[in-house]
Amino acid sequence: MKIRVWDLIQVMSWKEADKWKQAKILKVIKDENRVLIEWVNIVTKHMKKMGATPWQILKIEKPIHISNVMLVCPFTKKPTRLWTVKVEEKWKVKKFRFSKMAVKELNKDPKDCIIK
């Protein structure tokens, strides 16, 4: 997976209440290809009385599938796709998380704009 915890994402397709929301990722579940997102897909859970604890109604977040989200570009604040670039000094492949237009607008070398 190309996304990590605390990346800013946008929900592209889900419930109408959560659609187009931008939020941070709290947890990535690699086995199921799901992500837990802050304040997205909130469900109500009723907990019955157990011993001294009274009954409760909890609101918790449930994970959604990774195909329903897209990373947000830190420069343009819009959802964008990922691609890779080779850095000559270290010969590693790193990820760009912004559009090519953002690089042109900033008039910077792409190597200076890499987000680790």
N, C-alpha and C. Protein backbone atom coordinates (compact mmCIF):
# COMPACT_ATOMS: atom_id res chain seq x y z
N MET A 1 0.83 -1.19 0.00
CA MET A 1 0.00 0.00 0.00
C MET A 1 0.87 1.25 0.00
N LYS A 2 0.39 2.27 -0.63
CA LYS A 2 1.18 3.49 -0.77
C LYS A 2 0.84 4.54 0.28
N ILE A 3 -0.13 4.27 1.12
CA ILE A 3 -0.49 5.26 2.12
C ILE A 3 -0.07 4.80 3.50
N ARG A 4 0.12 5.77 4.40
CA ARG A 4 0.57 5.48 5.75
C ARG A 4 -0.32 6.20 6.76
N VAL A 5 -0.08 5.92 8.02
CA VAL A 5 -0.82 6.57 9.09
C VAL A 5 -0.50 8.06 9.09
N TRP A 6 -1.47 8.87 9.36
CA TRP A 6 -1.44 10.34 9.42
C TRP A 6 -1.34 11.02 8.07
N ASP A 7 -1.48 10.26 6.97
CA ASP A 7 -1.58 10.90 5.66
C ASP A 7 -2.95 11.56 5.55
N LEU A 8 -2.99 12.68 4.87
CA LEU A 8 -4.26 13.36 4.63
C LEU A 8 -4.90 12.76 3.39
N ILE A 9 -6.15 12.32 3.50
CA ILE A 9 -6.84 11.70 2.38
C ILE A 9 -8.21 12.34 2.19
N GLN A 10 -8.81 12.04 1.05
CA GLN A 10 -10.17 12.49 0.77
C GLN A 10 -11.01 11.26 0.43
N VAL A 11 -12.19 11.19 1.00
CA VAL A 11 -13.10 10.07 0.73
C VAL A 11 -13.78 10.36 -0.61
N MET A 12 -13.57 9.47 -1.57
CA MET A 12 -14.10 9.69 -2.92
C MET A 12 -15.49 9.07 -3.10
N SER A 13 -15.71 7.89 -2.54
CA SER A 13 -17.02 7.26 -2.66
C SER A 13 -17.33 6.50 -1.39
N TRP A 14 -18.38 6.89 -0.74
CA TRP A 14 -18.86 6.22 0.46
C TRP A 14 -20.25 6.75 0.74
N LYS A 15 -20.69 6.76 1.97
CA LYS A 15 -22.01 7.29 2.31
C LYS A 15 -22.06 8.78 1.96
N GLU A 16 -23.26 9.27 1.67
CA GLU A 16 -23.41 10.68 1.29
C GLU A 16 -22.91 11.63 2.36
N ALA A 17 -23.08 11.27 3.63
CA ALA A 17 -22.65 12.14 4.72
C ALA A 17 -21.12 12.25 4.78
N ASP A 18 -20.42 11.19 4.37
CA ASP A 18 -18.96 11.17 4.46
C ASP A 18 -18.26 11.48 3.15
N LYS A 19 -18.97 11.52 2.06
CA LYS A 19 -18.37 11.72 0.76
C LYS A 19 -17.72 13.11 0.66
N TRP A 20 -16.53 13.17 0.08
CA TRP A 20 -15.72 14.38 -0.16
C TRP A 20 -15.09 14.95 1.11
N LYS A 21 -15.18 14.24 2.23
CA LYS A 21 -14.52 14.71 3.45
C LYS A 21 -13.01 14.51 3.35
N GLN A 22 -12.25 15.45 3.92
CA GLN A 22 -10.80 15.30 4.02
C GLN A 22 -10.47 15.05 5.48
N ALA A 23 -9.70 13.99 5.74
CA ALA A 23 -9.35 13.63 7.11
C ALA A 23 -8.04 12.86 7.12
N LYS A 24 -7.55 12.57 8.34
CA LYS A 24 -6.29 11.84 8.50
C LYS A 24 -6.57 10.36 8.76
N ILE A 25 -5.61 9.53 8.37
CA ILE A 25 -5.73 8.09 8.59
C ILE A 25 -5.25 7.77 10.00
N LEU A 26 -6.05 7.01 10.73
CA LEU A 26 -5.69 6.61 12.09
C LEU A 26 -5.01 5.25 12.11
N LYS A 27 -5.43 4.34 11.21
CA LYS A 27 -4.88 3.00 11.21
C LYS A 27 -5.00 2.40 9.81
N VAL A 28 -3.98 1.64 9.41
CA VAL A 28 -4.00 0.94 8.13
C VAL A 28 -4.04 -0.56 8.41
N ILE A 29 -5.04 -1.26 7.86
CA ILE A 29 -5.16 -2.70 8.02
C ILE A 29 -4.78 -3.33 6.68
N LYS A 30 -3.53 -3.79 6.57
CA LYS A 30 -3.00 -4.28 5.29
C LYS A 30 -3.64 -5.59 4.84
N ASP A 31 -3.95 -6.48 5.77
CA ASP A 31 -4.51 -7.78 5.40
C ASP A 31 -5.86 -7.65 4.70
N GLU A 32 -6.65 -6.69 5.11
CA GLU A 32 -8.00 -6.52 4.56
C GLU A 32 -8.10 -5.37 3.57
N ASN A 33 -6.99 -4.67 3.31
CA ASN A 33 -6.97 -3.49 2.43
C ASN A 33 -7.98 -2.43 2.89
N ARG A 34 -7.95 -2.14 4.17
CA ARG A 34 -8.87 -1.17 4.75
C ARG A 34 -8.11 -0.12 5.56
N VAL A 35 -8.73 1.04 5.71
CA VAL A 35 -8.15 2.12 6.52
C VAL A 35 -9.19 2.65 7.48
N LEU A 36 -8.73 3.04 8.65
CA LEU A 36 -9.58 3.66 9.66
C LEU A 36 -9.33 5.16 9.59
N ILE A 37 -10.37 5.92 9.31
CA ILE A 37 -10.23 7.35 9.07
C ILE A 37 -10.94 8.13 10.17
N GLU A 38 -10.33 9.24 10.52
CA GLU A 38 -10.83 10.10 11.59
C GLU A 38 -12.19 10.70 11.21
N TRP A 39 -13.22 10.47 12.00
CA TRP A 39 -14.57 11.01 11.85
C TRP A 39 -15.26 10.63 10.54
N VAL A 40 -14.92 9.45 10.01
CA VAL A 40 -15.58 8.95 8.81
C VAL A 40 -16.12 7.56 9.10
N ASN A 41 -17.29 7.24 8.57
CA ASN A 41 -17.97 5.95 8.77
C ASN A 41 -18.23 5.69 10.26
N ILE A 42 -18.86 6.64 10.90
CA ILE A 42 -19.17 6.52 12.32
C ILE A 42 -20.46 5.71 12.48
N VAL A 43 -20.40 4.68 13.35
CA VAL A 43 -21.56 3.83 13.63
C VAL A 43 -21.88 3.90 15.11
N THR A 44 -23.13 3.59 15.42
CA THR A 44 -23.57 3.58 16.81
C THR A 44 -23.53 2.15 17.33
N LYS A 45 -22.93 1.97 18.50
CA LYS A 45 -22.84 0.64 19.11
C LYS A 45 -23.47 0.71 20.50
N HIS A 46 -24.39 -0.21 20.76
CA HIS A 46 -25.06 -0.28 22.06
C HIS A 46 -24.36 -1.32 22.92
N MET A 47 -23.86 -0.90 24.08
CA MET A 47 -23.18 -1.81 25.01
C MET A 47 -24.13 -2.10 26.17
N LYS A 48 -24.34 -3.37 26.46
CA LYS A 48 -25.25 -3.70 27.57
C LYS A 48 -24.49 -3.62 28.90
N LYS A 49 -25.25 -3.61 29.95
CA LYS A 49 -24.69 -3.49 31.30
C LYS A 49 -23.84 -4.71 31.63
N MET A 50 -22.62 -4.46 32.17
CA MET A 50 -21.73 -5.54 32.58
C MET A 50 -21.20 -5.23 33.97
N GLY A 51 -21.67 -5.94 34.95
CA GLY A 51 -21.23 -5.72 36.32
C GLY A 51 -21.59 -4.33 36.81
N ALA A 52 -20.58 -3.57 37.23
CA ALA A 52 -20.82 -2.23 37.75
C ALA A 52 -20.93 -1.17 36.65
N THR A 53 -20.54 -1.52 35.41
CA THR A 53 -20.60 -0.56 34.31
C THR A 53 -22.02 -0.43 33.78
N PRO A 54 -22.53 0.78 33.65
CA PRO A 54 -23.89 0.94 33.13
C PRO A 54 -23.93 0.73 31.60
N TRP A 55 -25.15 0.61 31.05
CA TRP A 55 -25.27 0.47 29.60
C TRP A 55 -24.86 1.78 28.94
N GLN A 56 -24.38 1.67 27.70
CA GLN A 56 -23.86 2.85 27.00
C GLN A 56 -24.24 2.80 25.53
N ILE A 57 -24.28 3.96 24.92
CA ILE A 57 -24.40 4.08 23.47
C ILE A 57 -23.12 4.76 23.00
N LEU A 58 -22.30 4.01 22.27
CA LEU A 58 -21.01 4.54 21.81
C LEU A 58 -21.06 4.86 20.32
N LYS A 59 -20.31 5.87 19.92
CA LYS A 59 -20.15 6.18 18.49
C LYS A 59 -18.70 5.89 18.16
N ILE A 60 -18.48 4.92 17.28
CA ILE A 60 -17.12 4.52 16.92
C ILE A 60 -16.93 4.59 15.40
N GLU A 61 -15.65 4.66 14.99
CA GLU A 61 -15.32 4.67 13.56
C GLU A 61 -15.06 3.25 13.10
N LYS A 62 -15.55 2.91 11.92
CA LYS A 62 -15.29 1.61 11.33
C LYS A 62 -14.40 1.82 10.11
N PRO A 63 -13.57 0.83 9.77
CA PRO A 63 -12.68 0.99 8.61
C PRO A 63 -13.45 0.90 7.29
N ILE A 64 -12.93 1.57 6.27
CA ILE A 64 -13.50 1.50 4.92
C ILE A 64 -12.42 1.00 3.96
N HIS A 65 -12.84 0.53 2.80
CA HIS A 65 -11.89 -0.03 1.83
C HIS A 65 -11.00 1.07 1.25
N ILE A 66 -9.77 0.68 0.96
CA ILE A 66 -8.76 1.64 0.51
C ILE A 66 -9.08 2.22 -0.88
N SER A 67 -9.87 1.51 -1.66
CA SER A 67 -10.21 1.99 -3.00
C SER A 67 -11.15 3.19 -2.96
N ASN A 68 -11.75 3.46 -1.82
CA ASN A 68 -12.69 4.57 -1.68
C ASN A 68 -12.03 5.88 -1.27
N VAL A 69 -10.72 5.86 -1.07
CA VAL A 69 -10.02 7.07 -0.64
C VAL A 69 -8.90 7.43 -1.61
N MET A 70 -8.48 8.70 -1.56
CA MET A 70 -7.40 9.18 -2.41
C MET A 70 -6.55 10.17 -1.62
N LEU A 71 -5.25 10.11 -1.81
CA LEU A 71 -4.35 11.02 -1.09
C LEU A 71 -4.56 12.46 -1.54
N VAL A 72 -4.34 13.40 -0.61
CA VAL A 72 -4.50 14.81 -0.90
C VAL A 72 -3.12 15.43 -1.08
N CYS A 73 -2.97 16.20 -2.13
CA CYS A 73 -1.71 16.90 -2.41
C CYS A 73 -1.48 17.97 -1.35
N PRO A 74 -0.30 18.00 -0.71
CA PRO A 74 -0.06 19.01 0.33
C PRO A 74 0.07 20.43 -0.22
N PHE A 75 0.31 20.57 -1.52
CA PHE A 75 0.46 21.91 -2.10
C PHE A 75 -0.85 22.46 -2.63
N THR A 76 -1.60 21.64 -3.39
CA THR A 76 -2.84 22.12 -3.99
C THR A 76 -4.07 21.82 -3.15
N LYS A 77 -3.93 20.94 -2.14
CA LYS A 77 -5.03 20.53 -1.27
C LYS A 77 -6.16 19.85 -2.04
N LYS A 78 -5.79 19.17 -3.14
CA LYS A 78 -6.76 18.42 -3.94
C LYS A 78 -6.33 16.96 -4.00
N PRO A 79 -7.26 16.03 -4.21
CA PRO A 79 -6.87 14.62 -4.30
C PRO A 79 -6.02 14.38 -5.54
N THR A 80 -5.00 13.52 -5.39
CA THR A 80 -4.08 13.27 -6.49
C THR A 80 -3.64 11.82 -6.48
N ARG A 81 -3.14 11.37 -7.62
CA ARG A 81 -2.58 10.02 -7.73
C ARG A 81 -1.11 10.06 -7.36
N LEU A 82 -0.55 8.89 -7.14
CA LEU A 82 0.86 8.79 -6.79
C LEU A 82 1.67 8.31 -7.97
N TRP A 83 2.90 8.76 -8.05
CA TRP A 83 3.85 8.20 -8.98
C TRP A 83 5.22 8.30 -8.35
N THR A 84 6.20 7.68 -8.96
CA THR A 84 7.52 7.61 -8.34
C THR A 84 8.56 8.33 -9.19
N VAL A 85 9.65 8.68 -8.54
CA VAL A 85 10.76 9.33 -9.23
C VAL A 85 12.05 8.77 -8.65
N LYS A 86 13.08 8.69 -9.46
CA LYS A 86 14.35 8.16 -9.00
C LYS A 86 15.24 9.32 -8.58
N VAL A 87 15.78 9.24 -7.38
CA VAL A 87 16.68 10.26 -6.87
C VAL A 87 18.10 9.81 -7.18
N GLU A 88 18.86 10.69 -7.84
CA GLU A 88 20.18 10.29 -8.33
C GLU A 88 21.19 10.08 -7.22
N GLU A 89 21.12 10.87 -6.15
CA GLU A 89 22.14 10.76 -5.11
C GLU A 89 22.09 9.43 -4.39
N LYS A 90 20.90 8.98 -4.04
CA LYS A 90 20.77 7.77 -3.23
C LYS A 90 20.29 6.58 -4.03
N TRP A 91 19.86 6.77 -5.27
CA TRP A 91 19.34 5.72 -6.12
C TRP A 91 18.15 5.01 -5.51
N LYS A 92 17.30 5.76 -4.84
CA LYS A 92 16.08 5.20 -4.27
C LYS A 92 14.88 5.74 -5.03
N VAL A 93 13.81 5.01 -4.94
CA VAL A 93 12.57 5.48 -5.54
C VAL A 93 11.73 6.06 -4.42
N LYS A 94 11.36 7.34 -4.56
CA LYS A 94 10.53 7.98 -3.54
C LYS A 94 9.22 8.42 -4.16
N LYS A 95 8.24 8.73 -3.30
CA LYS A 95 6.91 9.06 -3.78
C LYS A 95 6.70 10.56 -3.87
N PHE A 96 6.04 10.97 -4.92
CA PHE A 96 5.53 12.33 -5.01
C PHE A 96 4.10 12.30 -4.53
N ARG A 97 3.70 13.28 -3.76
CA ARG A 97 2.31 13.36 -3.33
C ARG A 97 1.71 14.69 -3.74
N PHE A 98 2.04 15.11 -4.92
CA PHE A 98 1.47 16.35 -5.42
C PHE A 98 1.48 16.29 -6.93
N SER A 99 0.79 17.17 -7.57
CA SER A 99 0.68 17.15 -9.01
C SER A 99 1.88 17.81 -9.66
N LYS A 100 2.07 17.53 -10.94
CA LYS A 100 3.17 18.15 -11.70
C LYS A 100 2.96 19.65 -11.80
N MET A 101 1.72 20.08 -11.82
CA MET A 101 1.42 21.51 -11.90
C MET A 101 1.93 22.25 -10.67
N ALA A 102 1.89 21.60 -9.53
CA ALA A 102 2.37 22.23 -8.30
C ALA A 102 3.86 22.50 -8.38
N VAL A 103 4.61 21.60 -9.00
CA VAL A 103 6.06 21.79 -9.15
C VAL A 103 6.33 22.98 -10.07
N LYS A 104 5.55 23.08 -11.15
CA LYS A 104 5.74 24.19 -12.09
C LYS A 104 5.40 25.54 -11.45
N GLU A 105 4.33 25.54 -10.64
CA GLU A 105 3.93 26.79 -9.99
C GLU A 105 4.96 27.26 -8.97
N LEU A 106 5.57 26.31 -8.27
CA LEU A 106 6.55 26.67 -7.25
C LEU A 106 7.93 26.97 -7.85
N ASN A 107 8.14 26.61 -9.12
CA ASN A 107 9.42 26.80 -9.80
C ASN A 107 10.57 26.18 -9.02
N LYS A 108 10.35 24.95 -8.57
CA LYS A 108 11.37 24.24 -7.81
C LYS A 108 11.81 23.01 -8.57
N ASP A 109 12.96 22.49 -8.17
CA ASP A 109 13.43 21.22 -8.69
C ASP A 109 12.59 20.12 -8.04
N PRO A 110 12.14 19.12 -8.79
CA PRO A 110 11.32 18.06 -8.19
C PRO A 110 11.97 17.36 -7.02
N LYS A 111 13.30 17.30 -6.99
CA LYS A 111 14.01 16.64 -5.89
C LYS A 111 13.81 17.38 -4.58
N ASP A 112 13.63 18.70 -4.64
CA ASP A 112 13.42 19.49 -3.43
C ASP A 112 12.01 19.33 -2.87
N CYS A 113 11.08 18.84 -3.69
CA CYS A 113 9.68 18.74 -3.29
C CYS A 113 9.28 17.34 -2.84
N ILE A 114 10.23 16.43 -2.73
CA ILE A 114 9.90 15.06 -2.36
C ILE A 114 9.48 15.00 -0.90
N ILE A 115 8.41 14.29 -0.64
CA ILE A 115 7.94 14.10 0.72
C ILE A 115 8.27 12.68 1.13
N LYS A 116 9.01 12.52 2.19
CA LYS A 116 9.44 11.17 2.60
C LYS A 116 8.33 10.46 3.32
